[in-house]
Amino acid sequence: MRRRPFDILVATAGLFLAVTLIVSGLLLTWAHNFIGNEVHTQLAAQQIVFPANNSPAIKAPEFAAMHQYAGQLMTTGAQAEVYADHFIANHLKVIGGGKTYAQLSAEAIAQPKNATLAGQVATVFKGETLRGLLLNAYAFGTMGMIAGIAAIAAFIAAAVMLLLSGLGLMHSRRVSPATEVLSGHPAHARTPGTASPQSGHPSDQLSAGDGLVATAPGSPE
């Protein structure tokens, strides 16, 4: 295959890939912004504020992760994860005695007249529900962050492909039209009617010489 068509073909494919990456980057950017805005809006609407640093609610060692957001309004997925796993979860362990809502609910069904147990079930149910909602916000926030990183990677890859495609097109205009892809040298086509090159074998050359001597006029036999 000739080098010039090959360069043009590869450069065109690179341009198509670059356009695809740009479109993907734009869609990922939109997803990043949409998810981030939704998470921020929904969390801010709940008006959940982290306890202050000097609050007894987070004084115990198991609440150490809460101090980084002390006094702040919850607006991000990372904050939601900390609040769910390091505040609500720790309080639920104390309220439910380390038991889950399903375990406490089963005990409450077996003891329908136990008002204390019924209160524990109701409290743990509310806590687990809120914790689950906050962890969902954290999951969506993480997906939005990943989409943003992927968008940056797509734009960088698109820029690289555009550069390489441009260089390929420039090379296709500079290379000789007769240059082959593999050899890198112009192709040599045999002209019709021209004799093939003589064989380099000594016996062939000797035979040709003998023929000339034999047919030379006046030569002795």
N, C-alpha and C. Protein backbone atom coordinates (compact mmCIF):
# COMPACT_ATOMS: atom_id res chain seq x y z
N MET A 1 0.85 -1.20 0.00
CA MET A 1 0.00 0.00 0.00
C MET A 1 0.88 1.25 0.00
N ARG A 2 0.47 2.24 -0.76
CA ARG A 2 1.24 3.48 -0.83
C ARG A 2 1.13 4.26 0.49
N ARG A 3 2.20 4.98 0.82
CA ARG A 3 2.28 5.64 2.12
C ARG A 3 1.30 6.80 2.22
N ARG A 4 1.12 7.58 1.16
CA ARG A 4 0.25 8.76 1.25
C ARG A 4 -1.20 8.38 1.57
N PRO A 5 -1.83 7.45 0.84
CA PRO A 5 -3.20 7.05 1.22
C PRO A 5 -3.28 6.48 2.63
N PHE A 6 -2.23 5.74 3.00
CA PHE A 6 -2.22 5.16 4.35
C PHE A 6 -2.20 6.26 5.41
N ASP A 7 -1.36 7.28 5.24
CA ASP A 7 -1.31 8.39 6.20
C ASP A 7 -2.64 9.12 6.29
N ILE A 8 -3.25 9.34 5.15
CA ILE A 8 -4.54 10.04 5.13
C ILE A 8 -5.62 9.21 5.83
N LEU A 9 -5.60 7.90 5.59
CA LEU A 9 -6.59 7.03 6.23
C LEU A 9 -6.44 7.01 7.74
N VAL A 10 -5.20 6.86 8.21
CA VAL A 10 -4.96 6.83 9.66
C VAL A 10 -5.28 8.18 10.30
N ALA A 11 -4.91 9.28 9.64
CA ALA A 11 -5.19 10.61 10.18
C ALA A 11 -6.69 10.87 10.26
N THR A 12 -7.43 10.40 9.25
CA THR A 12 -8.89 10.57 9.28
C THR A 12 -9.52 9.78 10.42
N ALA A 13 -9.04 8.56 10.62
CA ALA A 13 -9.54 7.77 11.74
C ALA A 13 -9.22 8.45 13.07
N GLY A 14 -8.03 9.06 13.16
CA GLY A 14 -7.66 9.79 14.38
C GLY A 14 -8.56 10.98 14.63
N LEU A 15 -8.91 11.70 13.56
CA LEU A 15 -9.81 12.84 13.70
C LEU A 15 -11.20 12.39 14.15
N PHE A 16 -11.69 11.28 13.59
CA PHE A 16 -12.99 10.75 14.01
C PHE A 16 -12.96 10.37 15.49
N LEU A 17 -11.86 9.73 15.92
CA LEU A 17 -11.73 9.35 17.33
C LEU A 17 -11.65 10.59 18.22
N ALA A 18 -10.95 11.63 17.75
CA ALA A 18 -10.84 12.86 18.54
C ALA A 18 -12.21 13.51 18.73
N VAL A 19 -13.01 13.53 17.67
CA VAL A 19 -14.37 14.09 17.78
C VAL A 19 -15.21 13.28 18.76
N THR A 20 -15.07 11.95 18.69
CA THR A 20 -15.81 11.09 19.61
C THR A 20 -15.41 11.36 21.06
N LEU A 21 -14.12 11.54 21.29
CA LEU A 21 -13.64 11.82 22.65
C LEU A 21 -14.13 13.18 23.14
N ILE A 22 -14.18 14.16 22.25
CA ILE A 22 -14.66 15.49 22.64
C ILE A 22 -16.13 15.42 23.04
N VAL A 23 -16.93 14.72 22.23
CA VAL A 23 -18.36 14.57 22.57
C VAL A 23 -18.52 13.83 23.89
N SER A 24 -17.73 12.78 24.08
CA SER A 24 -17.79 12.04 25.35
C SER A 24 -17.41 12.93 26.52
N GLY A 25 -16.37 13.75 26.32
CA GLY A 25 -15.96 14.66 27.39
C GLY A 25 -17.04 15.67 27.74
N LEU A 26 -17.74 16.16 26.73
CA LEU A 26 -18.83 17.12 26.98
C LEU A 26 -19.97 16.45 27.75
N LEU A 27 -20.31 15.23 27.38
CA LEU A 27 -21.37 14.51 28.09
C LEU A 27 -20.97 14.20 29.53
N LEU A 28 -19.73 13.80 29.72
CA LEU A 28 -19.25 13.52 31.07
C LEU A 28 -19.20 14.79 31.92
N THR A 29 -18.84 15.90 31.30
CA THR A 29 -18.86 17.18 32.04
C THR A 29 -20.26 17.54 32.46
N TRP A 30 -21.22 17.35 31.55
CA TRP A 30 -22.62 17.61 31.89
C TRP A 30 -23.08 16.72 33.04
N ALA A 31 -22.71 15.42 32.98
CA ALA A 31 -23.10 14.49 34.06
C ALA A 31 -22.46 14.91 35.38
N HIS A 32 -21.20 15.33 35.34
CA HIS A 32 -20.51 15.77 36.56
C HIS A 32 -21.23 16.97 37.18
N ASN A 33 -21.56 17.95 36.36
CA ASN A 33 -22.22 19.15 36.88
C ASN A 33 -23.64 18.86 37.37
N PHE A 34 -24.36 18.03 36.61
CA PHE A 34 -25.75 17.72 36.99
C PHE A 34 -25.81 16.98 38.32
N ILE A 35 -24.99 15.93 38.44
CA ILE A 35 -24.99 15.14 39.68
C ILE A 35 -24.54 16.00 40.86
N GLY A 36 -23.49 16.79 40.65
CA GLY A 36 -23.01 17.63 41.73
C GLY A 36 -24.05 18.63 42.20
N ASN A 37 -24.76 19.25 41.26
CA ASN A 37 -25.79 20.22 41.62
C ASN A 37 -26.96 19.55 42.34
N GLU A 38 -27.36 18.36 41.86
CA GLU A 38 -28.47 17.67 42.50
C GLU A 38 -28.13 17.25 43.93
N VAL A 39 -26.94 16.70 44.11
CA VAL A 39 -26.53 16.29 45.45
C VAL A 39 -26.47 17.49 46.39
N HIS A 40 -25.90 18.58 45.91
CA HIS A 40 -25.80 19.80 46.73
C HIS A 40 -27.18 20.33 47.09
N THR A 41 -28.07 20.38 46.11
CA THR A 41 -29.41 20.94 46.35
C THR A 41 -30.21 20.09 47.33
N GLN A 42 -30.20 18.77 47.12
CA GLN A 42 -31.00 17.89 47.98
C GLN A 42 -30.46 17.84 49.41
N LEU A 43 -29.15 17.83 49.56
CA LEU A 43 -28.59 17.80 50.91
C LEU A 43 -28.78 19.12 51.63
N ALA A 44 -28.57 20.22 50.93
CA ALA A 44 -28.73 21.54 51.56
C ALA A 44 -30.17 21.75 52.02
N ALA A 45 -31.12 21.17 51.28
CA ALA A 45 -32.53 21.33 51.65
C ALA A 45 -32.86 20.66 52.98
N GLN A 46 -32.07 19.66 53.38
CA GLN A 46 -32.33 18.97 54.64
C GLN A 46 -31.84 19.74 55.85
N GLN A 47 -30.98 20.74 55.63
CA GLN A 47 -30.48 21.59 56.72
C GLN A 47 -29.84 20.77 57.84
N ILE A 48 -29.00 19.81 57.46
CA ILE A 48 -28.27 19.01 58.44
C ILE A 48 -26.94 19.69 58.72
N VAL A 49 -26.72 20.05 59.97
CA VAL A 49 -25.50 20.77 60.37
C VAL A 49 -24.67 19.86 61.28
N PHE A 50 -23.40 19.78 61.01
CA PHE A 50 -22.50 18.98 61.85
C PHE A 50 -22.34 19.64 63.23
N PRO A 51 -22.29 18.83 64.29
CA PRO A 51 -22.07 19.40 65.63
C PRO A 51 -20.74 20.15 65.70
N ALA A 52 -20.68 21.13 66.60
CA ALA A 52 -19.45 21.89 66.78
C ALA A 52 -18.37 21.02 67.40
N ASN A 53 -17.14 21.49 67.29
CA ASN A 53 -16.00 20.71 67.80
C ASN A 53 -16.11 20.41 69.29
N ASN A 54 -16.66 21.36 70.04
CA ASN A 54 -16.75 21.19 71.49
C ASN A 54 -18.05 20.53 71.93
N SER A 55 -18.82 20.01 70.96
CA SER A 55 -20.10 19.38 71.29
C SER A 55 -19.89 18.02 71.94
N PRO A 56 -20.63 17.71 73.02
CA PRO A 56 -20.51 16.39 73.64
C PRO A 56 -20.92 15.25 72.71
N ALA A 57 -21.71 15.59 71.67
CA ALA A 57 -22.21 14.56 70.76
C ALA A 57 -21.10 13.89 69.96
N ILE A 58 -19.97 14.59 69.78
CA ILE A 58 -18.87 14.01 69.01
C ILE A 58 -17.58 13.99 69.83
N LYS A 59 -17.72 13.93 71.13
CA LYS A 59 -16.56 13.96 72.01
C LYS A 59 -15.86 12.60 72.06
N ALA A 60 -16.60 11.52 71.91
CA ALA A 60 -16.01 10.18 72.00
C ALA A 60 -15.07 9.91 70.82
N PRO A 61 -14.11 9.02 71.01
CA PRO A 61 -13.13 8.74 69.95
C PRO A 61 -13.75 8.22 68.65
N GLU A 62 -14.86 7.51 68.74
CA GLU A 62 -15.46 6.95 67.52
C GLU A 62 -16.07 8.03 66.62
N PHE A 63 -16.16 9.26 67.13
CA PHE A 63 -16.68 10.36 66.32
C PHE A 63 -15.57 11.27 65.78
N ALA A 64 -14.34 10.77 65.77
CA ALA A 64 -13.20 11.61 65.37
C ALA A 64 -13.34 12.14 63.95
N ALA A 65 -13.90 11.35 63.06
CA ALA A 65 -14.03 11.79 61.66
C ALA A 65 -14.99 12.96 61.51
N MET A 66 -15.85 13.19 62.48
CA MET A 66 -16.83 14.27 62.40
C MET A 66 -16.20 15.64 62.56
N HIS A 67 -15.05 15.72 63.19
CA HIS A 67 -14.46 17.02 63.52
C HIS A 67 -14.02 17.80 62.28
N GLN A 68 -13.70 17.11 61.18
CA GLN A 68 -13.25 17.83 59.99
C GLN A 68 -14.35 18.69 59.37
N TYR A 69 -15.61 18.35 59.67
CA TYR A 69 -16.74 19.14 59.15
C TYR A 69 -17.52 19.82 60.26
N ALA A 70 -16.92 19.97 61.42
CA ALA A 70 -17.63 20.53 62.58
C ALA A 70 -18.22 21.90 62.26
N GLY A 71 -19.53 22.04 62.59
CA GLY A 71 -20.23 23.30 62.39
C GLY A 71 -20.64 23.60 60.96
N GLN A 72 -20.36 22.72 60.01
CA GLN A 72 -20.67 22.98 58.60
C GLN A 72 -22.04 22.42 58.22
N LEU A 73 -22.64 23.06 57.22
CA LEU A 73 -23.89 22.55 56.65
C LEU A 73 -23.55 21.44 55.66
N MET A 74 -24.28 20.34 55.73
CA MET A 74 -24.01 19.23 54.83
C MET A 74 -24.47 19.56 53.42
N THR A 75 -23.53 19.55 52.47
CA THR A 75 -23.86 19.86 51.07
C THR A 75 -23.16 18.93 50.07
N THR A 76 -22.28 18.06 50.52
CA THR A 76 -21.53 17.20 49.60
C THR A 76 -21.70 15.73 49.96
N GLY A 77 -21.39 14.87 48.99
CA GLY A 77 -21.47 13.44 49.23
C GLY A 77 -20.47 12.96 50.26
N ALA A 78 -19.28 13.56 50.27
CA ALA A 78 -18.27 13.17 51.26
C ALA A 78 -18.75 13.47 52.68
N GLN A 79 -19.39 14.61 52.87
CA GLN A 79 -19.94 14.95 54.18
C GLN A 79 -21.04 13.98 54.57
N ALA A 80 -21.87 13.61 53.59
CA ALA A 80 -22.97 12.67 53.86
C ALA A 80 -22.44 11.32 54.31
N GLU A 81 -21.36 10.86 53.70
CA GLU A 81 -20.78 9.57 54.08
C GLU A 81 -20.25 9.60 55.51
N VAL A 82 -19.57 10.68 55.88
CA VAL A 82 -19.03 10.80 57.24
C VAL A 82 -20.16 10.84 58.26
N TYR A 83 -21.19 11.62 57.97
CA TYR A 83 -22.31 11.75 58.90
C TYR A 83 -23.03 10.41 59.06
N ALA A 84 -23.19 9.67 57.96
CA ALA A 84 -23.92 8.41 58.00
C ALA A 84 -23.14 7.32 58.72
N ASP A 85 -21.83 7.20 58.41
CA ASP A 85 -21.05 6.09 58.93
C ASP A 85 -20.36 6.38 60.26
N HIS A 86 -20.18 7.64 60.59
CA HIS A 86 -19.44 7.98 61.81
C HIS A 86 -20.27 8.74 62.85
N PHE A 87 -21.51 9.00 62.54
CA PHE A 87 -22.39 9.66 63.52
C PHE A 87 -23.65 8.85 63.72
N ILE A 88 -24.45 8.70 62.66
CA ILE A 88 -25.70 7.95 62.80
C ILE A 88 -25.42 6.50 63.15
N ALA A 89 -24.48 5.87 62.45
CA ALA A 89 -24.21 4.45 62.69
C ALA A 89 -23.76 4.19 64.12
N ASN A 90 -22.93 5.07 64.66
CA ASN A 90 -22.45 4.89 66.04
C ASN A 90 -23.59 5.04 67.05
N HIS A 91 -24.48 6.00 66.81
CA HIS A 91 -25.62 6.17 67.72
C HIS A 91 -26.59 4.99 67.61
N LEU A 92 -26.76 4.46 66.40
CA LEU A 92 -27.67 3.32 66.24
C LEU A 92 -27.14 2.08 66.95
N LYS A 93 -25.83 1.92 67.00
CA LYS A 93 -25.25 0.79 67.73
C LYS A 93 -25.61 0.86 69.21
N VAL A 94 -25.59 2.09 69.75
CA VAL A 94 -25.91 2.27 71.16
C VAL A 94 -27.40 2.05 71.40
N ILE A 95 -28.23 2.63 70.53
CA ILE A 95 -29.68 2.53 70.72
C ILE A 95 -30.17 1.10 70.57
N GLY A 96 -29.65 0.42 69.53
CA GLY A 96 -30.13 -0.94 69.26
C GLY A 96 -29.30 -2.03 69.90
N GLY A 97 -28.32 -1.65 70.69
CA GLY A 97 -27.49 -2.66 71.32
C GLY A 97 -26.67 -3.46 70.32
N GLY A 98 -26.30 -2.85 69.22
CA GLY A 98 -25.53 -3.55 68.20
C GLY A 98 -26.36 -4.37 67.23
N LYS A 99 -27.67 -4.36 67.40
CA LYS A 99 -28.55 -5.15 66.53
C LYS A 99 -29.09 -4.27 65.39
N THR A 100 -29.37 -4.93 64.28
CA THR A 100 -29.92 -4.22 63.13
C THR A 100 -31.43 -4.04 63.28
N TYR A 101 -31.99 -3.24 62.36
CA TYR A 101 -33.44 -3.03 62.40
C TYR A 101 -34.19 -4.34 62.19
N ALA A 102 -33.70 -5.18 61.30
CA ALA A 102 -34.38 -6.45 61.04
C ALA A 102 -34.41 -7.34 62.28
N GLN A 103 -33.32 -7.37 63.01
CA GLN A 103 -33.26 -8.19 64.23
C GLN A 103 -34.18 -7.65 65.31
N LEU A 104 -34.16 -6.33 65.49
CA LEU A 104 -35.03 -5.73 66.51
C LEU A 104 -36.50 -5.86 66.13
N SER A 105 -36.78 -5.74 64.83
CA SER A 105 -38.17 -5.88 64.39
C SER A 105 -38.69 -7.28 64.65
N ALA A 106 -37.84 -8.28 64.42
CA ALA A 106 -38.27 -9.66 64.69
C ALA A 106 -38.55 -9.87 66.18
N GLU A 107 -37.75 -9.27 67.03
CA GLU A 107 -37.98 -9.38 68.47
C GLU A 107 -39.26 -8.65 68.88
N ALA A 108 -39.51 -7.50 68.24
CA ALA A 108 -40.72 -6.74 68.57
C ALA A 108 -41.98 -7.50 68.17
N ILE A 109 -41.92 -8.23 67.08
CA ILE A 109 -43.07 -9.03 66.66
C ILE A 109 -43.33 -10.16 67.66
N ALA A 110 -42.24 -10.71 68.18
CA ALA A 110 -42.39 -11.79 69.16
C ALA A 110 -42.83 -11.26 70.52
N GLN A 111 -42.60 -9.95 70.79
CA GLN A 111 -42.98 -9.35 72.06
C GLN A 111 -43.83 -8.10 71.78
N PRO A 112 -45.05 -8.27 71.34
CA PRO A 112 -45.89 -7.14 70.93
C PRO A 112 -46.22 -6.16 72.07
N LYS A 113 -46.10 -6.58 73.31
CA LYS A 113 -46.44 -5.71 74.44
C LYS A 113 -45.21 -4.99 75.02
N ASN A 114 -44.06 -5.19 74.45
CA ASN A 114 -42.83 -4.55 74.93
C ASN A 114 -42.72 -3.16 74.32
N ALA A 115 -43.13 -2.13 75.05
CA ALA A 115 -43.14 -0.77 74.53
C ALA A 115 -41.72 -0.23 74.33
N THR A 116 -40.81 -0.60 75.21
CA THR A 116 -39.42 -0.13 75.06
C THR A 116 -38.80 -0.65 73.78
N LEU A 117 -39.03 -1.93 73.51
CA LEU A 117 -38.49 -2.53 72.29
C LEU A 117 -39.13 -1.90 71.06
N ALA A 118 -40.42 -1.61 71.15
CA ALA A 118 -41.11 -0.98 70.02
C ALA A 118 -40.52 0.41 69.74
N GLY A 119 -40.17 1.13 70.81
CA GLY A 119 -39.55 2.44 70.63
C GLY A 119 -38.17 2.32 69.99
N GLN A 120 -37.42 1.31 70.39
CA GLN A 120 -36.11 1.07 69.77
C GLN A 120 -36.25 0.78 68.27
N VAL A 121 -37.24 -0.05 67.94
CA VAL A 121 -37.46 -0.40 66.53
C VAL A 121 -37.78 0.85 65.71
N ALA A 122 -38.64 1.70 66.23
CA ALA A 122 -39.02 2.92 65.50
C ALA A 122 -37.82 3.84 65.31
N THR A 123 -37.03 4.00 66.37
CA THR A 123 -35.87 4.89 66.29
C THR A 123 -34.82 4.35 65.31
N VAL A 124 -34.54 3.05 65.42
CA VAL A 124 -33.55 2.45 64.53
C VAL A 124 -34.03 2.49 63.08
N PHE A 125 -35.32 2.30 62.86
CA PHE A 125 -35.87 2.37 61.51
C PHE A 125 -35.64 3.75 60.90
N LYS A 126 -35.94 4.78 61.66
CA LYS A 126 -35.73 6.14 61.16
C LYS A 126 -34.25 6.42 60.90
N GLY A 127 -33.42 5.96 61.84
CA GLY A 127 -31.99 6.19 61.68
C GLY A 127 -31.41 5.47 60.47
N GLU A 128 -31.80 4.21 60.29
CA GLU A 128 -31.31 3.44 59.15
C GLU A 128 -31.80 4.03 57.83
N THR A 129 -33.04 4.53 57.82
CA THR A 129 -33.57 5.15 56.60
C THR A 129 -32.77 6.40 56.24
N LEU A 130 -32.53 7.26 57.22
CA LEU A 130 -31.75 8.46 56.96
C LEU A 130 -30.32 8.10 56.54
N ARG A 131 -29.75 7.13 57.21
CA ARG A 131 -28.39 6.71 56.86
C ARG A 131 -28.32 6.19 55.42
N GLY A 132 -29.30 5.40 55.03
CA GLY A 132 -29.33 4.89 53.66
C GLY A 132 -29.46 6.00 52.64
N LEU A 133 -30.29 7.00 52.92
CA LEU A 133 -30.45 8.12 51.99
C LEU A 133 -29.15 8.92 51.86
N LEU A 134 -28.48 9.11 52.97
CA LEU A 134 -27.21 9.85 52.93
C LEU A 134 -26.14 9.08 52.17
N LEU A 135 -26.10 7.77 52.34
CA LEU A 135 -25.12 6.97 51.60
C LEU A 135 -25.43 6.93 50.11
N ASN A 136 -26.71 7.01 49.76
CA ASN A 136 -27.06 7.14 48.34
C ASN A 136 -26.55 8.46 47.78
N ALA A 137 -26.66 9.51 48.55
CA ALA A 137 -26.13 10.80 48.12
C ALA A 137 -24.62 10.72 47.95
N TYR A 138 -23.96 10.01 48.86
CA TYR A 138 -22.51 9.83 48.76
C TYR A 138 -22.14 9.05 47.50
N ALA A 139 -22.92 8.01 47.18
CA ALA A 139 -22.65 7.21 45.97
C ALA A 139 -22.81 8.05 44.72
N PHE A 140 -23.87 8.84 44.64
CA PHE A 140 -24.07 9.69 43.47
C PHE A 140 -22.99 10.77 43.39
N GLY A 141 -22.60 11.30 44.53
CA GLY A 141 -21.53 12.29 44.52
C GLY A 141 -20.22 11.71 44.00
N THR A 142 -19.95 10.45 44.39
CA THR A 142 -18.74 9.78 43.91
C THR A 142 -18.81 9.56 42.40
N MET A 143 -19.97 9.17 41.89
CA MET A 143 -20.12 8.98 40.45
C MET A 143 -19.92 10.29 39.71
N GLY A 144 -20.42 11.38 40.27
CA GLY A 144 -20.20 12.68 39.65
C GLY A 144 -18.73 13.05 39.61
N MET A 145 -18.01 12.76 40.68
CA MET A 145 -16.58 13.04 40.71
C MET A 145 -15.83 12.22 39.66
N ILE A 146 -16.20 10.93 39.55
CA ILE A 146 -15.56 10.07 38.56
C ILE A 146 -15.85 10.57 37.15
N ALA A 147 -17.08 11.03 36.92
CA ALA A 147 -17.43 11.57 35.61
C ALA A 147 -16.58 12.79 35.27
N GLY A 148 -16.32 13.63 36.26
CA GLY A 148 -15.47 14.80 36.03
C GLY A 148 -14.04 14.40 35.66
N ILE A 149 -13.49 13.41 36.36
CA ILE A 149 -12.14 12.94 36.06
C ILE A 149 -12.09 12.33 34.66
N ALA A 150 -13.12 11.54 34.33
CA ALA A 150 -13.17 10.92 33.00
C ALA A 150 -13.29 11.97 31.90
N ALA A 151 -14.00 13.05 32.17
CA ALA A 151 -14.13 14.13 31.19
C ALA A 151 -12.77 14.77 30.90
N ILE A 152 -12.00 15.01 31.95
CA ILE A 152 -10.66 15.58 31.76
C ILE A 152 -9.78 14.65 30.94
N ALA A 153 -9.84 13.35 31.26
CA ALA A 153 -9.05 12.37 30.51
C ALA A 153 -9.47 12.33 29.05
N ALA A 154 -10.78 12.43 28.78
CA ALA A 154 -11.27 12.40 27.41
C ALA A 154 -10.79 13.62 26.62
N PHE A 155 -10.80 14.79 27.25
CA PHE A 155 -10.33 16.00 26.57
C PHE A 155 -8.83 15.93 26.27
N ILE A 156 -8.05 15.39 27.21
CA ILE A 156 -6.61 15.24 26.99
C ILE A 156 -6.35 14.28 25.84
N ALA A 157 -7.05 13.14 25.85
CA ALA A 157 -6.88 12.17 24.78
C ALA A 157 -7.29 12.75 23.43
N ALA A 158 -8.35 13.56 23.42
CA ALA A 158 -8.79 14.19 22.16
C ALA A 158 -7.72 15.15 21.64
N ALA A 159 -7.12 15.91 22.54
CA ALA A 159 -6.06 16.83 22.12
C ALA A 159 -4.87 16.08 21.53
N VAL A 160 -4.50 14.96 22.14
CA VAL A 160 -3.39 14.16 21.62
C VAL A 160 -3.72 13.60 20.24
N MET A 161 -4.96 13.11 20.07
CA MET A 161 -5.35 12.56 18.78
C MET A 161 -5.40 13.64 17.70
N LEU A 162 -5.84 14.83 18.06
CA LEU A 162 -5.84 15.93 17.09
C LEU A 162 -4.42 16.27 16.65
N LEU A 163 -3.51 16.30 17.61
CA LEU A 163 -2.11 16.60 17.29
C LEU A 163 -1.52 15.53 16.37
N LEU A 164 -1.73 14.26 16.73
CA LEU A 164 -1.19 13.18 15.91
C LEU A 164 -1.81 13.15 14.52
N SER A 165 -3.10 13.41 14.44
CA SER A 165 -3.76 13.43 13.13
C SER A 165 -3.24 14.57 12.27
N GLY A 166 -3.01 15.72 12.89
CA GLY A 166 -2.44 16.84 12.14
C GLY A 166 -1.05 16.53 11.61
N LEU A 167 -0.23 15.90 12.45
CA LEU A 167 1.10 15.51 11.99
C LEU A 167 1.03 14.48 10.88
N GLY A 168 0.06 13.56 10.97
CA GLY A 168 -0.10 12.57 9.92
C GLY A 168 -0.48 13.19 8.59
N LEU A 169 -1.38 14.18 8.62
CA LEU A 169 -1.77 14.85 7.38
C LEU A 169 -0.60 15.65 6.80
N MET A 170 0.18 16.29 7.66
CA MET A 170 1.35 17.02 7.18
C MET A 170 2.35 16.07 6.52
N HIS A 171 2.53 14.90 7.12
CA HIS A 171 3.47 13.92 6.55
C HIS A 171 2.97 13.40 5.21
N SER A 172 1.66 13.23 5.08
CA SER A 172 1.13 12.71 3.82
C SER A 172 1.35 13.69 2.66
N ARG A 173 1.45 14.97 2.95
CA ARG A 173 1.68 15.96 1.90
C ARG A 173 3.16 16.06 1.53
N ARG A 174 4.03 15.59 2.42
CA ARG A 174 5.46 15.69 2.16
C ARG A 174 6.03 14.43 1.55
N VAL A 175 5.38 13.29 1.77
CA VAL A 175 5.92 12.03 1.29
C VAL A 175 5.68 11.89 -0.21
N SER A 176 6.55 11.14 -0.87
CA SER A 176 6.42 10.91 -2.31
C SER A 176 5.21 10.03 -2.59
N PRO A 177 4.45 10.33 -3.66
CA PRO A 177 3.26 9.51 -3.96
C PRO A 177 3.59 8.06 -4.23
N ALA A 178 4.84 7.76 -4.68
CA ALA A 178 5.22 6.39 -5.02
C ALA A 178 5.77 5.61 -3.84
N THR A 179 5.92 6.24 -2.66
CA THR A 179 6.52 5.57 -1.51
C THR A 179 5.59 4.52 -0.94
N GLU A 180 6.15 3.33 -0.70
CA GLU A 180 5.38 2.25 -0.09
C GLU A 180 5.39 2.38 1.43
N VAL A 181 4.42 1.74 2.10
CA VAL A 181 4.30 1.83 3.55
C VAL A 181 5.44 1.13 4.25
N LEU A 182 5.75 -0.10 3.83
CA LEU A 182 6.73 -0.90 4.55
C LEU A 182 8.16 -0.58 4.15
N SER A 183 8.44 -0.47 2.83
CA SER A 183 9.81 -0.27 2.41
C SER A 183 10.32 1.13 2.66
N GLY A 184 9.44 2.13 2.55
CA GLY A 184 9.83 3.53 2.73
C GLY A 184 10.55 4.09 1.53
N HIS A 185 10.59 3.32 0.39
CA HIS A 185 11.25 3.78 -0.82
C HIS A 185 10.25 3.73 -1.97
N PRO A 186 10.47 4.52 -3.02
CA PRO A 186 9.55 4.50 -4.15
C PRO A 186 9.47 3.11 -4.76
N ALA A 187 8.27 2.73 -5.20
CA ALA A 187 8.10 1.43 -5.82
C ALA A 187 8.67 1.44 -7.23
N HIS A 188 9.37 0.36 -7.64
CA HIS A 188 9.97 0.25 -8.96
C HIS A 188 9.12 -0.72 -9.78
N ALA A 189 8.43 -0.20 -10.76
CA ALA A 189 7.60 -1.03 -11.62
C ALA A 189 8.37 -1.34 -12.90
N ARG A 190 8.32 -2.58 -13.38
CA ARG A 190 9.04 -2.98 -14.58
C ARG A 190 8.34 -2.43 -15.81
N THR A 191 9.09 -1.78 -16.67
CA THR A 191 8.52 -1.21 -17.90
C THR A 191 8.30 -2.32 -18.90
N PRO A 192 7.12 -2.40 -19.54
CA PRO A 192 6.87 -3.47 -20.52
C PRO A 192 7.87 -3.41 -21.66
N GLY A 193 8.40 -4.57 -22.06
CA GLY A 193 9.32 -4.64 -23.18
C GLY A 193 10.76 -4.54 -22.81
N THR A 194 11.08 -4.24 -21.53
CA THR A 194 12.47 -4.15 -21.11
C THR A 194 12.95 -5.50 -20.66
N ALA A 195 14.22 -5.75 -20.87
CA ALA A 195 14.79 -7.06 -20.51
C ALA A 195 14.98 -7.14 -19.01
N SER A 196 14.87 -8.33 -18.49
CA SER A 196 15.11 -8.54 -17.08
C SER A 196 16.60 -8.47 -16.81
N PRO A 197 17.01 -8.10 -15.57
CA PRO A 197 18.43 -8.01 -15.23
C PRO A 197 19.11 -9.36 -15.43
N GLN A 198 20.41 -9.30 -15.83
CA GLN A 198 21.16 -10.52 -16.04
C GLN A 198 21.41 -11.22 -14.72
N SER A 199 21.48 -12.50 -14.79
CA SER A 199 21.76 -13.28 -13.59
C SER A 199 23.20 -13.07 -13.18
N GLY A 200 23.40 -13.02 -11.88
CA GLY A 200 24.74 -12.80 -11.36
C GLY A 200 25.54 -14.08 -11.22
N HIS A 201 24.98 -15.22 -11.60
CA HIS A 201 25.68 -16.50 -11.43
C HIS A 201 26.78 -16.64 -12.46
N PRO A 202 28.03 -17.02 -12.12
CA PRO A 202 29.16 -17.11 -13.06
C PRO A 202 28.88 -18.05 -14.21
N SER A 203 28.19 -19.17 -13.97
CA SER A 203 27.92 -20.12 -15.05
C SER A 203 27.03 -19.53 -16.12
N ASP A 204 26.06 -18.67 -15.67
CA ASP A 204 25.18 -18.02 -16.64
C ASP A 204 25.97 -17.07 -17.50
N GLN A 205 26.87 -16.30 -16.88
CA GLN A 205 27.67 -15.36 -17.65
C GLN A 205 28.58 -16.09 -18.61
N LEU A 206 29.14 -17.24 -18.20
CA LEU A 206 30.02 -18.03 -19.06
C LEU A 206 29.26 -18.57 -20.25
N SER A 207 28.04 -19.04 -20.00
CA SER A 207 27.24 -19.58 -21.09
C SER A 207 26.92 -18.51 -22.11
N ALA A 208 26.63 -17.29 -21.64
CA ALA A 208 26.34 -16.20 -22.56
C ALA A 208 27.56 -15.86 -23.37
N GLY A 209 28.76 -15.89 -22.73
CA GLY A 209 30.00 -15.60 -23.44
C GLY A 209 30.30 -16.64 -24.51
N ASP A 210 30.03 -17.92 -24.17
CA ASP A 210 30.27 -18.99 -25.12
C ASP A 210 29.38 -18.86 -26.33
N GLY A 211 28.17 -18.42 -26.12
CA GLY A 211 27.26 -18.25 -27.24
C GLY A 211 27.74 -17.17 -28.18
N LEU A 212 28.22 -16.08 -27.62
CA LEU A 212 28.70 -14.99 -28.45
C LEU A 212 29.92 -15.40 -29.26
N VAL A 213 30.81 -16.16 -28.64
CA VAL A 213 32.01 -16.62 -29.36
C VAL A 213 31.64 -17.57 -30.48
N ALA A 214 30.67 -18.45 -30.19
CA ALA A 214 30.29 -19.44 -31.18
C ALA A 214 29.66 -18.82 -32.41
N THR A 215 28.97 -17.71 -32.25
CA THR A 215 28.25 -17.11 -33.37
C THR A 215 29.01 -15.98 -33.99
N ALA A 216 30.20 -15.70 -33.50
CA ALA A 216 30.97 -14.58 -34.09
C ALA A 216 31.46 -14.99 -35.47
N PRO A 217 31.32 -14.11 -36.50
CA PRO A 217 31.73 -14.43 -37.87
C PRO A 217 33.22 -14.68 -37.90
N GLY A 218 33.62 -15.73 -38.63
CA GLY A 218 35.04 -16.04 -38.84
C GLY A 218 35.71 -16.69 -37.69
N SER A 219 35.00 -17.03 -36.67
CA SER A 219 35.66 -17.66 -35.53
C SER A 219 35.85 -19.12 -35.80
N PRO A 220 36.97 -19.73 -35.38
CA PRO A 220 37.20 -21.16 -35.62
C PRO A 220 36.30 -22.01 -34.77
N GLU A 221 35.91 -23.17 -35.37
CA GLU A 221 35.04 -24.07 -34.63
C GLU A 221 35.85 -25.05 -33.81
